[in-house]
């Protein structure tokens, strides 16, 4: 086993997805609450509330997990 392979086995690795403006959009499952950048991205992506039957504009909605964050 190479030194790099051993180091990777012991490493804590987190996937982080960045926006074009270098703001974090997704930092894995270690953070439960949404960032300002993620809220902006959700407003642009969804346009309105994604809850079944709700048609509120996304800017008036609370960004939340539709699936339980700690169980799914």
PDB file of N, CA and C in Angstrom:
ATOM      1  N   UNK A   1       0.855  -1.174   0.000  1.00  0.00           N
ATOM      2  CA  UNK A   1       0.000   0.000   0.000  1.00  0.00           C
ATOM      3  C   UNK A   1       0.902   1.238   0.000  1.00  0.00           C
ATOM      4  N   UNK A   2       0.574   2.185  -0.857  1.00  0.00           N
ATOM      5  CA  UNK A   2       1.387   3.393  -0.941  1.00  0.00           C
ATOM      6  C   UNK A   2       1.087   4.327   0.225  1.00  0.00           C
ATOM      7  N   UNK A   3       1.982   5.257   0.433  1.00  0.00           N
ATOM      8  CA  UNK A   3       1.789   6.243   1.506  1.00  0.00           C
ATOM      9  C   UNK A   3       0.510   7.055   1.271  1.00  0.00           C
ATOM     10  N   UNK A   4       0.237   7.408   0.009  1.00  0.00           N
ATOM     11  CA  UNK A   4      -0.978   8.155  -0.315  1.00  0.00           C
ATOM     12  C   UNK A   4      -2.225   7.336   0.015  1.00  0.00           C
ATOM     13  N   UNK A   5      -2.244   6.076  -0.342  1.00  0.00           N
ATOM     14  CA  UNK A   5      -3.400   5.218  -0.056  1.00  0.00           C
ATOM     15  C   UNK A   5      -3.636   5.112   1.442  1.00  0.00           C
ATOM     16  N   UNK A   6      -2.570   4.972   2.222  1.00  0.00           N
ATOM     17  CA  UNK A   6      -2.712   4.910   3.689  1.00  0.00           C
ATOM     18  C   UNK A   6      -3.279   6.217   4.231  1.00  0.00           C
ATOM     19  N   UNK A   7      -2.783   7.335   3.716  1.00  0.00           N
ATOM     20  CA  UNK A   7      -3.267   8.637   4.181  1.00  0.00           C
ATOM     21  C   UNK A   7      -4.746   8.812   3.849  1.00  0.00           C
ATOM     22  N   UNK A   8      -5.161   8.378   2.660  1.00  0.00           N
ATOM     23  CA  UNK A   8      -6.566   8.503   2.270  1.00  0.00           C
ATOM     24  C   UNK A   8      -7.475   7.634   3.125  1.00  0.00           C
ATOM     25  N   UNK A   9      -6.983   6.487   3.551  1.00  0.00           N
ATOM     26  CA  UNK A   9      -7.787   5.610   4.414  1.00  0.00           C
ATOM     27  C   UNK A   9      -8.071   6.261   5.762  1.00  0.00           C
ATOM     28  N   UNK A  10      -7.187   7.107   6.220  1.00  0.00           N
ATOM     29  CA  UNK A  10      -7.336   7.744   7.523  1.00  0.00           C
ATOM     30  C   UNK A  10      -7.905   9.163   7.422  1.00  0.00           C
ATOM     31  N   UNK A  11      -8.154   9.629   6.212  1.00  0.00           N
ATOM     32  CA  UNK A  11      -8.591  11.016   6.015  1.00  0.00           C
ATOM     33  C   UNK A  11     -10.095  11.172   6.216  1.00  0.00           C
ATOM     34  N   UNK A  12     -10.490  12.347   6.651  1.00  0.00           N
ATOM     35  CA  UNK A  12     -11.895  12.741   6.658  1.00  0.00           C
ATOM     36  C   UNK A  12     -12.116  13.565   5.402  1.00  0.00           C
ATOM     37  N   UNK A  13     -12.891  13.042   4.474  1.00  0.00           N
ATOM     38  CA  UNK A  13     -13.112  13.709   3.198  1.00  0.00           C
ATOM     39  C   UNK A  13     -14.560  14.169   3.127  1.00  0.00           C
ATOM     40  N   UNK A  14     -14.753  15.423   2.750  1.00  0.00           N
ATOM     41  CA  UNK A  14     -16.084  15.982   2.587  1.00  0.00           C
ATOM     42  C   UNK A  14     -16.216  16.548   1.186  1.00  0.00           C
ATOM     43  N   UNK A  15     -17.279  16.160   0.496  1.00  0.00           N
ATOM     44  CA  UNK A  15     -17.553  16.695  -0.837  1.00  0.00           C
ATOM     45  C   UNK A  15     -18.143  18.091  -0.665  1.00  0.00           C
ATOM     46  N   UNK A  16     -17.580  19.072  -1.370  1.00  0.00           N
ATOM     47  CA  UNK A  16     -18.090  20.443  -1.324  1.00  0.00           C
ATOM     48  C   UNK A  16     -18.333  20.909  -2.757  1.00  0.00           C
ATOM     49  N   UNK A  17     -19.562  21.322  -3.044  1.00  0.00           N
ATOM     50  CA  UNK A  17     -19.918  21.846  -4.362  1.00  0.00           C
ATOM     51  C   UNK A  17     -19.973  23.361  -4.248  1.00  0.00           C
ATOM     52  N   UNK A  18     -19.230  24.035  -5.131  1.00  0.00           N
ATOM     53  CA  UNK A  18     -19.131  25.491  -5.089  1.00  0.00           C
ATOM     54  C   UNK A  18     -19.898  26.109  -6.258  1.00  0.00           C
ATOM     55  N   UNK A  19     -20.410  27.325  -6.034  1.00  0.00           N
ATOM     56  CA  UNK A  19     -21.071  28.079  -7.100  1.00  0.00           C
ATOM     57  C   UNK A  19     -20.010  28.744  -7.974  1.00  0.00           C
ATOM     58  N   UNK A  20     -20.452  29.373  -9.054  1.00  0.00           N
ATOM     59  CA  UNK A  20     -19.526  30.102  -9.927  1.00  0.00           C
ATOM     60  C   UNK A  20     -18.844  31.245  -9.189  1.00  0.00           C
ATOM     61  N   UNK A  21     -19.492  31.739  -8.123  1.00  0.00           N
ATOM     62  CA  UNK A  21     -18.928  32.827  -7.313  1.00  0.00           C
ATOM     63  C   UNK A  21     -18.090  32.292  -6.151  1.00  0.00           C
ATOM     64  N   UNK A  22     -17.772  31.007  -6.178  1.00  0.00           N
ATOM     65  CA  UNK A  22     -16.964  30.344  -5.140  1.00  0.00           C
ATOM     66  C   UNK A  22     -17.641  30.317  -3.775  1.00  0.00           C
ATOM     67  N   UNK A  23     -18.968  30.254  -3.773  1.00  0.00           N
ATOM     68  CA  UNK A  23     -19.713  30.103  -2.526  1.00  0.00           C
ATOM     69  C   UNK A  23     -20.143  28.650  -2.393  1.00  0.00           C
ATOM     70  N   UNK A  24     -20.075  28.097  -1.192  1.00  0.00           N
ATOM     71  CA  UNK A  24     -20.459  26.689  -1.038  1.00  0.00           C
ATOM     72  C   UNK A  24     -21.963  26.495  -1.220  1.00  0.00           C
ATOM     73  N   UNK A  25     -22.334  25.570  -2.106  1.00  0.00           N
ATOM     74  CA  UNK A  25     -23.737  25.223  -2.316  1.00  0.00           C
ATOM     75  C   UNK A  25     -24.092  23.933  -1.591  1.00  0.00           C
ATOM     76  N   UNK A  26     -23.132  23.038  -1.491  1.00  0.00           N
ATOM     77  CA  UNK A  26     -23.374  21.748  -0.852  1.00  0.00           C
ATOM     78  C   UNK A  26     -22.112  21.334  -0.121  1.00  0.00           C
ATOM     79  N   UNK A  27     -22.230  21.114   1.165  1.00  0.00           N
ATOM     80  CA  UNK A  27     -21.063  20.712   1.959  1.00  0.00           C
ATOM     81  C   UNK A  27     -21.294  19.347   2.601  1.00  0.00           C
ATOM     82  N   UNK A  28     -21.956  18.475   1.873  1.00  0.00           N
ATOM     83  CA  UNK A  28     -22.213  17.143   2.405  1.00  0.00           C
ATOM     84  C   UNK A  28     -23.311  17.165   3.453  1.00  0.00           C
ATOM     85  N   UNK A  29     -23.300  16.195   4.348  1.00  0.00           N
ATOM     86  CA  UNK A  29     -24.354  16.089   5.348  1.00  0.00           C
ATOM     87  C   UNK A  29     -23.877  16.471   6.735  1.00  0.00           C
ATOM     88  N   UNK A  30     -22.780  17.200   6.836  1.00  0.00           N
ATOM     89  CA  UNK A  30     -22.324  17.603   8.164  1.00  0.00           C
ATOM     90  C   UNK A  30     -23.006  18.878   8.634  1.00  0.00           C
ATOM     91  N   UNK A  31     -23.594  19.632   7.704  1.00  0.00           N
ATOM     92  CA  UNK A  31     -24.298  20.866   8.058  1.00  0.00           C
ATOM     93  C   UNK A  31     -25.773  20.706   7.728  1.00  0.00           C
ATOM     94  N   UNK A  32     -26.643  20.961   8.688  1.00  0.00           N
ATOM     95  CA  UNK A  32     -28.076  20.768   8.500  1.00  0.00           C
ATOM     96  C   UNK A  32     -28.761  21.985   7.885  1.00  0.00           C
ATOM     97  N   UNK A  33     -28.364  23.178   8.300  1.00  0.00           N
ATOM     98  CA  UNK A  33     -29.054  24.387   7.868  1.00  0.00           C
ATOM     99  C   UNK A  33     -28.481  24.915   6.558  1.00  0.00           C
ATOM    100  N   UNK A  34     -29.327  25.581   5.791  1.00  0.00           N
ATOM    101  CA  UNK A  34     -28.932  26.096   4.492  1.00  0.00           C
ATOM    102  C   UNK A  34     -28.190  27.419   4.620  1.00  0.00           C
ATOM    103  N   UNK A  35     -27.237  27.642   3.722  1.00  0.00           N
ATOM    104  CA  UNK A  35     -26.500  28.902   3.675  1.00  0.00           C
ATOM    105  C   UNK A  35     -27.277  29.905   2.819  1.00  0.00           C
ATOM    106  N   UNK A  36     -26.869  31.156   2.866  1.00  0.00           N
ATOM    107  CA  UNK A  36     -27.486  32.186   2.027  1.00  0.00           C
ATOM    108  C   UNK A  36     -27.338  31.831   0.551  1.00  0.00           C
ATOM    109  N   UNK A  37     -26.176  31.331   0.172  1.00  0.00           N
ATOM    110  CA  UNK A  37     -25.947  30.956  -1.229  1.00  0.00           C
ATOM    111  C   UNK A  37     -26.867  29.810  -1.645  1.00  0.00           C
ATOM    112  N   UNK A  38     -27.080  28.842  -0.763  1.00  0.00           N
ATOM    113  CA  UNK A  38     -27.975  27.733  -1.083  1.00  0.00           C
ATOM    114  C   UNK A  38     -29.422  28.212  -1.192  1.00  0.00           C
ATOM    115  N   UNK A  39     -29.807  29.165  -0.348  1.00  0.00           N
ATOM    116  CA  UNK A  39     -31.170  29.714  -0.425  1.00  0.00           C
ATOM    117  C   UNK A  39     -31.373  30.402  -1.772  1.00  0.00           C
ATOM    118  N   UNK A  40     -30.400  31.206  -2.176  1.00  0.00           N
ATOM    119  CA  UNK A  40     -30.496  31.876  -3.480  1.00  0.00           C
ATOM    120  C   UNK A  40     -30.607  30.852  -4.612  1.00  0.00           C
ATOM    121  N   UNK A  41     -29.792  29.815  -4.528  1.00  0.00           N
ATOM    122  CA  UNK A  41     -29.820  28.771  -5.559  1.00  0.00           C
ATOM    123  C   UNK A  41     -31.175  28.067  -5.592  1.00  0.00           C
ATOM    124  N   UNK A  42     -31.771  27.812  -4.425  1.00  0.00           N
ATOM    125  CA  UNK A  42     -33.084  27.159  -4.365  1.00  0.00           C
ATOM    126  C   UNK A  42     -34.168  28.052  -4.959  1.00  0.00           C
ATOM    127  N   UNK A  43     -34.092  29.354  -4.712  1.00  0.00           N
ATOM    128  CA  UNK A  43     -35.077  30.289  -5.270  1.00  0.00           C
ATOM    129  C   UNK A  43     -34.997  30.284  -6.794  1.00  0.00           C
ATOM    130  N   UNK A  44     -33.776  30.325  -7.327  1.00  0.00           N
ATOM    131  CA  UNK A  44     -33.593  30.311  -8.778  1.00  0.00           C
ATOM    132  C   UNK A  44     -34.037  28.970  -9.356  1.00  0.00           C
ATOM    133  N   UNK A  45     -33.661  27.882  -8.695  1.00  0.00           N
ATOM    134  CA  UNK A  45     -33.978  26.548  -9.197  1.00  0.00           C
ATOM    135  C   UNK A  45     -35.477  26.262  -9.171  1.00  0.00           C
ATOM    136  N   UNK A  46     -36.135  26.577  -8.041  1.00  0.00           N
ATOM    137  CA  UNK A  46     -37.519  26.144  -7.843  1.00  0.00           C
ATOM    138  C   UNK A  46     -38.556  27.181  -8.255  1.00  0.00           C
ATOM    139  N   UNK A  47     -38.285  28.449  -8.017  1.00  0.00           N
ATOM    140  CA  UNK A  47     -39.235  29.493  -8.371  1.00  0.00           C
ATOM    141  C   UNK A  47     -40.408  29.630  -7.418  1.00  0.00           C
ATOM    142  N   UNK A  48     -40.840  28.523  -6.850  1.00  0.00           N
ATOM    143  CA  UNK A  48     -41.947  28.552  -5.892  1.00  0.00           C
ATOM    144  C   UNK A  48     -41.761  27.423  -4.890  1.00  0.00           C
ATOM    145  N   UNK A  49     -42.618  27.406  -3.900  1.00  0.00           N
ATOM    146  CA  UNK A  49     -42.565  26.357  -2.881  1.00  0.00           C
ATOM    147  C   UNK A  49     -42.687  24.993  -3.557  1.00  0.00           C
ATOM    148  N   UNK A  50     -41.920  24.020  -3.102  1.00  0.00           N
ATOM    149  CA  UNK A  50     -41.969  22.687  -3.700  1.00  0.00           C
ATOM    150  C   UNK A  50     -42.853  21.725  -2.912  1.00  0.00           C
ATOM    151  N   UNK A  51     -43.468  22.218  -1.833  1.00  0.00           N
ATOM    152  CA  UNK A  51     -44.383  21.373  -1.066  1.00  0.00           C
ATOM    153  C   UNK A  51     -45.635  21.131  -1.909  1.00  0.00           C
ATOM    154  N   UNK A  52     -46.118  19.917  -1.940  1.00  0.00           N
ATOM    155  CA  UNK A  52     -47.266  19.543  -2.760  1.00  0.00           C
ATOM    156  C   UNK A  52     -48.478  20.440  -2.474  1.00  0.00           C
ATOM    157  N   UNK A  53     -48.968  21.123  -3.507  1.00  0.00           N
ATOM    158  CA  UNK A  53     -50.151  21.962  -3.378  1.00  0.00           C
ATOM    159  C   UNK A  53     -49.885  23.410  -3.000  1.00  0.00           C
ATOM    160  N   UNK A  54     -48.647  23.772  -2.715  1.00  0.00           N
ATOM    161  CA  UNK A  54     -48.323  25.147  -2.324  1.00  0.00           C
ATOM    162  C   UNK A  54     -47.752  25.890  -3.531  1.00  0.00           C
ATOM    163  N   UNK A  55     -48.238  27.108  -3.768  1.00  0.00           N
ATOM    164  CA  UNK A  55     -47.740  27.876  -4.906  1.00  0.00           C
ATOM    165  C   UNK A  55     -47.117  29.213  -4.501  1.00  0.00           C
ATOM    166  N   UNK A  56     -46.682  29.326  -3.243  1.00  0.00           N
ATOM    167  CA  UNK A  56     -46.002  30.544  -2.787  1.00  0.00           C
ATOM    168  C   UNK A  56     -44.702  30.737  -3.562  1.00  0.00           C
ATOM    169  N   UNK A  57     -44.371  31.996  -3.862  1.00  0.00           N
ATOM    170  CA  UNK A  57     -43.094  32.286  -4.510  1.00  0.00           C
ATOM    171  C   UNK A  57     -41.966  31.854  -3.577  1.00  0.00           C
ATOM    172  N   UNK A  58     -40.907  31.326  -4.148  1.00  0.00           N
ATOM    173  CA  UNK A  58     -39.802  30.782  -3.350  1.00  0.00           C
ATOM    174  C   UNK A  58     -39.186  31.808  -2.401  1.00  0.00           C
ATOM    175  N   UNK A  59     -39.193  33.082  -2.770  1.00  0.00           N
ATOM    176  CA  UNK A  59     -38.596  34.102  -1.899  1.00  0.00           C
ATOM    177  C   UNK A  59     -39.379  34.277  -0.597  1.00  0.00           C
ATOM    178  N   UNK A  60     -40.621  33.816  -0.555  1.00  0.00           N
ATOM    179  CA  UNK A  60     -41.447  33.918   0.653  1.00  0.00           C
ATOM    180  C   UNK A  60     -41.429  32.628   1.473  1.00  0.00           C
ATOM    181  N   UNK A  61     -40.665  31.650   1.027  1.00  0.00           N
ATOM    182  CA  UNK A  61     -40.645  30.340   1.679  1.00  0.00           C
ATOM    183  C   UNK A  61     -39.430  30.179   2.587  1.00  0.00           C
ATOM    184  N   UNK A  62     -39.572  29.273   3.529  1.00  0.00           N
ATOM    185  CA  UNK A  62     -38.445  28.873   4.362  1.00  0.00           C
ATOM    186  C   UNK A  62     -37.778  27.688   3.685  1.00  0.00           C
ATOM    187  N   UNK A  63     -36.485  27.794   3.436  1.00  0.00           N
ATOM    188  CA  UNK A  63     -35.767  26.676   2.828  1.00  0.00           C
ATOM    189  C   UNK A  63     -35.691  25.571   3.875  1.00  0.00           C
ATOM    190  N   UNK A  64     -36.146  24.397   3.503  1.00  0.00           N
ATOM    191  CA  UNK A  64     -36.222  23.294   4.458  1.00  0.00           C
ATOM    192  C   UNK A  64     -36.045  21.985   3.707  1.00  0.00           C
ATOM    193  N   UNK A  65     -35.773  20.942   4.429  1.00  0.00           N
ATOM    194  CA  UNK A  65     -35.630  19.616   3.839  1.00  0.00           C
ATOM    195  C   UNK A  65     -37.012  18.989   3.676  1.00  0.00           C
ATOM    196  N   UNK A  66     -37.345  18.565   2.459  1.00  0.00           N
ATOM    197  CA  UNK A  66     -38.615  17.867   2.259  1.00  0.00           C
ATOM    198  C   UNK A  66     -38.512  16.477   2.869  1.00  0.00           C
ATOM    199  N   UNK A  67     -37.366  15.818   2.711  1.00  0.00           N
ATOM    200  CA  UNK A  67     -37.114  14.542   3.392  1.00  0.00           C
ATOM    201  C   UNK A  67     -36.379  14.851   4.685  1.00  0.00           C
ATOM    202  N   UNK A  68     -36.655  14.091   5.728  1.00  0.00           N
ATOM    203  CA  UNK A  68     -35.995  14.299   7.022  1.00  0.00           C
ATOM    204  C   UNK A  68     -34.487  14.245   6.843  1.00  0.00           C
ATOM    205  N   UNK A  69     -33.786  15.260   7.323  1.00  0.00           N
ATOM    206  CA  UNK A  69     -32.335  15.333   7.176  1.00  0.00           C
ATOM    207  C   UNK A  69     -31.630  14.250   7.986  1.00  0.00           C
ATOM    208  N   UNK A  70     -32.068  14.006   9.207  1.00  0.00           N
ATOM    209  CA  UNK A  70     -31.342  13.080  10.082  1.00  0.00           C
ATOM    210  C   UNK A  70     -31.778  11.632   9.935  1.00  0.00           C
ATOM    211  N   UNK A  71     -32.840  11.347   9.170  1.00  0.00           N
ATOM    212  CA  UNK A  71     -33.304   9.972   9.033  1.00  0.00           C
ATOM    213  C   UNK A  71     -33.088   9.406   7.645  1.00  0.00           C
ATOM    214  N   UNK A  72     -33.041  10.234   6.611  1.00  0.00           N
ATOM    215  CA  UNK A  72     -32.977   9.740   5.230  1.00  0.00           C
ATOM    216  C   UNK A  72     -31.556   9.676   4.722  1.00  0.00           C
TER     217      UNK A  72
END
